[in-house]
Amino acid sequence: MTAKEKLRERIEALTEEEASETLRLLDLRSDPVIAAFRDAPIDDEPWSEEDEAAAAEGRADVAGGRTVPLDEALREQG
């Protein structure tokens, strides 16, 4: 059985809701934003001590409850 035949067989077994979701996922393949992320080069810049210090500061803020929900921050920015 070919790959297309197997695919047709599986498609026939999908519910209408599953078929709609499958179509949505297939359509994402041609979305230019998704393609840009998919095809972007791997970030090969080394992690610096400054990066680690900033990340540690952020983790400490989260652990200490010193964060603001996104919707609140957006409201504050106007």
C-alpha atoms as a PDB file:
ATOM      1  CA  MET A   1       0.000   0.000   0.000  1.00  0.00           C
ATOM      2  CA  THR A   2       1.389   3.418  -0.953  1.00  0.00           C
ATOM      3  CA  ALA A   3       1.705   6.326   1.441  1.00  0.00           C
ATOM      4  CA  LYS A   4      -1.146   8.137  -0.335  1.00  0.00           C
ATOM      5  CA  GLU A   5      -3.369   5.069  -0.056  1.00  0.00           C
ATOM      6  CA  LYS A   6      -2.617   4.809   3.667  1.00  0.00           C
ATOM      7  CA  LEU A   7      -3.362   8.502   4.046  1.00  0.00           C
ATOM      8  CA  ARG A   8      -6.696   8.197   2.223  1.00  0.00           C
ATOM      9  CA  GLU A   9      -7.624   5.286   4.487  1.00  0.00           C
ATOM     10  CA  ARG A  10      -6.857   7.316   7.603  1.00  0.00           C
ATOM     11  CA  ILE A  11      -8.716  10.349   6.264  1.00  0.00           C
ATOM     12  CA  GLU A  12     -11.857   8.280   5.788  1.00  0.00           C
ATOM     13  CA  ALA A  13     -11.679   7.277   9.464  1.00  0.00           C
ATOM     14  CA  LEU A  14     -11.600  10.906  10.693  1.00  0.00           C
ATOM     15  CA  THR A  15     -14.630  12.595  12.199  1.00  0.00           C
ATOM     16  CA  GLU A  16     -15.735  15.865  10.589  1.00  0.00           C
ATOM     17  CA  GLU A  17     -14.164  17.768  13.487  1.00  0.00           C
ATOM     18  CA  GLU A  18     -10.866  15.887  13.115  1.00  0.00           C
ATOM     19  CA  ALA A  19     -10.907  16.516   9.362  1.00  0.00           C
ATOM     20  CA  SER A  20     -11.381  20.263   9.945  1.00  0.00           C
ATOM     21  CA  GLU A  21      -8.461  20.352  12.367  1.00  0.00           C
ATOM     22  CA  THR A  22      -6.309  18.359   9.944  1.00  0.00           C
ATOM     23  CA  LEU A  23      -7.087  20.854   7.167  1.00  0.00           C
ATOM     24  CA  ARG A  24      -6.172  23.733   9.468  1.00  0.00           C
ATOM     25  CA  LEU A  25      -2.822  22.102  10.248  1.00  0.00           C
ATOM     26  CA  LEU A  26      -2.123  21.408   6.586  1.00  0.00           C
ATOM     27  CA  ASP A  27      -2.918  25.030   5.730  1.00  0.00           C
ATOM     28  CA  LEU A  28      -0.295  26.151   8.260  1.00  0.00           C
ATOM     29  CA  ARG A  29       2.354  24.565   6.060  1.00  0.00           C
ATOM     30  CA  SER A  30       1.904  27.392   3.533  1.00  0.00           C
ATOM     31  CA  ASP A  31       1.609  30.225   6.091  1.00  0.00           C
ATOM     32  CA  PRO A  32       4.547  32.600   5.439  1.00  0.00           C
ATOM     33  CA  VAL A  33       5.075  33.341   9.130  1.00  0.00           C
ATOM     34  CA  ILE A  34       5.160  29.650  10.037  1.00  0.00           C
ATOM     35  CA  ALA A  35       7.507  29.023   7.101  1.00  0.00           C
ATOM     36  CA  ALA A  36       9.831  31.815   8.264  1.00  0.00           C
ATOM     37  CA  PHE A  37      10.118  30.270  11.719  1.00  0.00           C
ATOM     38  CA  ARG A  38      10.455  26.761  10.306  1.00  0.00           C
ATOM     39  CA  ASP A  39      13.176  27.780   7.868  1.00  0.00           C
ATOM     40  CA  ALA A  40      15.061  30.184  10.142  1.00  0.00           C
ATOM     41  CA  PRO A  41      18.670  29.272  10.842  1.00  0.00           C
ATOM     42  CA  ILE A  42      19.511  27.823  14.226  1.00  0.00           C
ATOM     43  CA  ASP A  43      20.664  30.461  16.688  1.00  0.00           C
ATOM     44  CA  ASP A  44      24.297  29.542  17.194  1.00  0.00           C
ATOM     45  CA  GLU A  45      25.288  32.589  19.233  1.00  0.00           C
ATOM     46  CA  PRO A  46      26.893  31.401  22.450  1.00  0.00           C
ATOM     47  CA  TRP A  47      25.120  31.988  25.782  1.00  0.00           C
ATOM     48  CA  SER A  48      27.109  34.644  27.627  1.00  0.00           C
ATOM     49  CA  GLU A  49      27.608  35.249  31.336  1.00  0.00           C
ATOM     50  CA  GLU A  50      25.506  38.399  30.896  1.00  0.00           C
ATOM     51  CA  ASP A  51      22.704  36.300  29.385  1.00  0.00           C
ATOM     52  CA  GLU A  52      22.861  33.882  32.310  1.00  0.00           C
ATOM     53  CA  ALA A  53      22.784  36.740  34.830  1.00  0.00           C
ATOM     54  CA  ALA A  54      19.704  38.252  33.149  1.00  0.00           C
ATOM     55  CA  ALA A  55      17.954  34.868  33.081  1.00  0.00           C
ATOM     56  CA  ALA A  56      18.801  34.268  36.748  1.00  0.00           C
ATOM     57  CA  GLU A  57      17.382  37.694  37.616  1.00  0.00           C
ATOM     58  CA  GLY A  58      14.168  36.836  35.780  1.00  0.00           C
ATOM     59  CA  ARG A  59      13.860  33.465  37.535  1.00  0.00           C
ATOM     60  CA  ALA A  60      14.391  35.199  40.893  1.00  0.00           C
ATOM     61  CA  ASP A  61      11.660  37.723  40.061  1.00  0.00           C
ATOM     62  CA  VAL A  62       9.242  34.925  39.193  1.00  0.00           C
ATOM     63  CA  ALA A  63      10.116  32.998  42.368  1.00  0.00           C
ATOM     64  CA  GLY A  64       9.746  36.165  44.464  1.00  0.00           C
ATOM     65  CA  GLY A  65       6.368  37.066  42.970  1.00  0.00           C
ATOM     66  CA  ARG A  66       7.733  40.257  41.408  1.00  0.00           C
ATOM     67  CA  THR A  67       5.979  39.846  38.066  1.00  0.00           C
ATOM     68  CA  VAL A  68       3.005  41.517  36.359  1.00  0.00           C
ATOM     69  CA  PRO A  69       0.489  39.664  34.177  1.00  0.00           C
ATOM     70  CA  LEU A  70       0.768  40.575  30.486  1.00  0.00           C
ATOM     71  CA  ASP A  71      -2.729  42.075  30.281  1.00  0.00           C
ATOM     72  CA  GLU A  72      -1.940  44.354  33.230  1.00  0.00           C
ATOM     73  CA  ALA A  73       1.375  45.439  31.711  1.00  0.00           C
ATOM     74  CA  LEU A  74      -0.363  46.222  28.410  1.00  0.00           C
ATOM     75  CA  ARG A  75      -2.992  48.304  30.198  1.00  0.00           C
ATOM     76  CA  GLU A  76      -0.257  50.261  31.988  1.00  0.00           C
ATOM     77  CA  GLN A  77       1.440  50.988  28.654  1.00  0.00           C
ATOM     78  CA  GLY A  78      -1.824  52.353  27.262  1.00  0.00           C
END
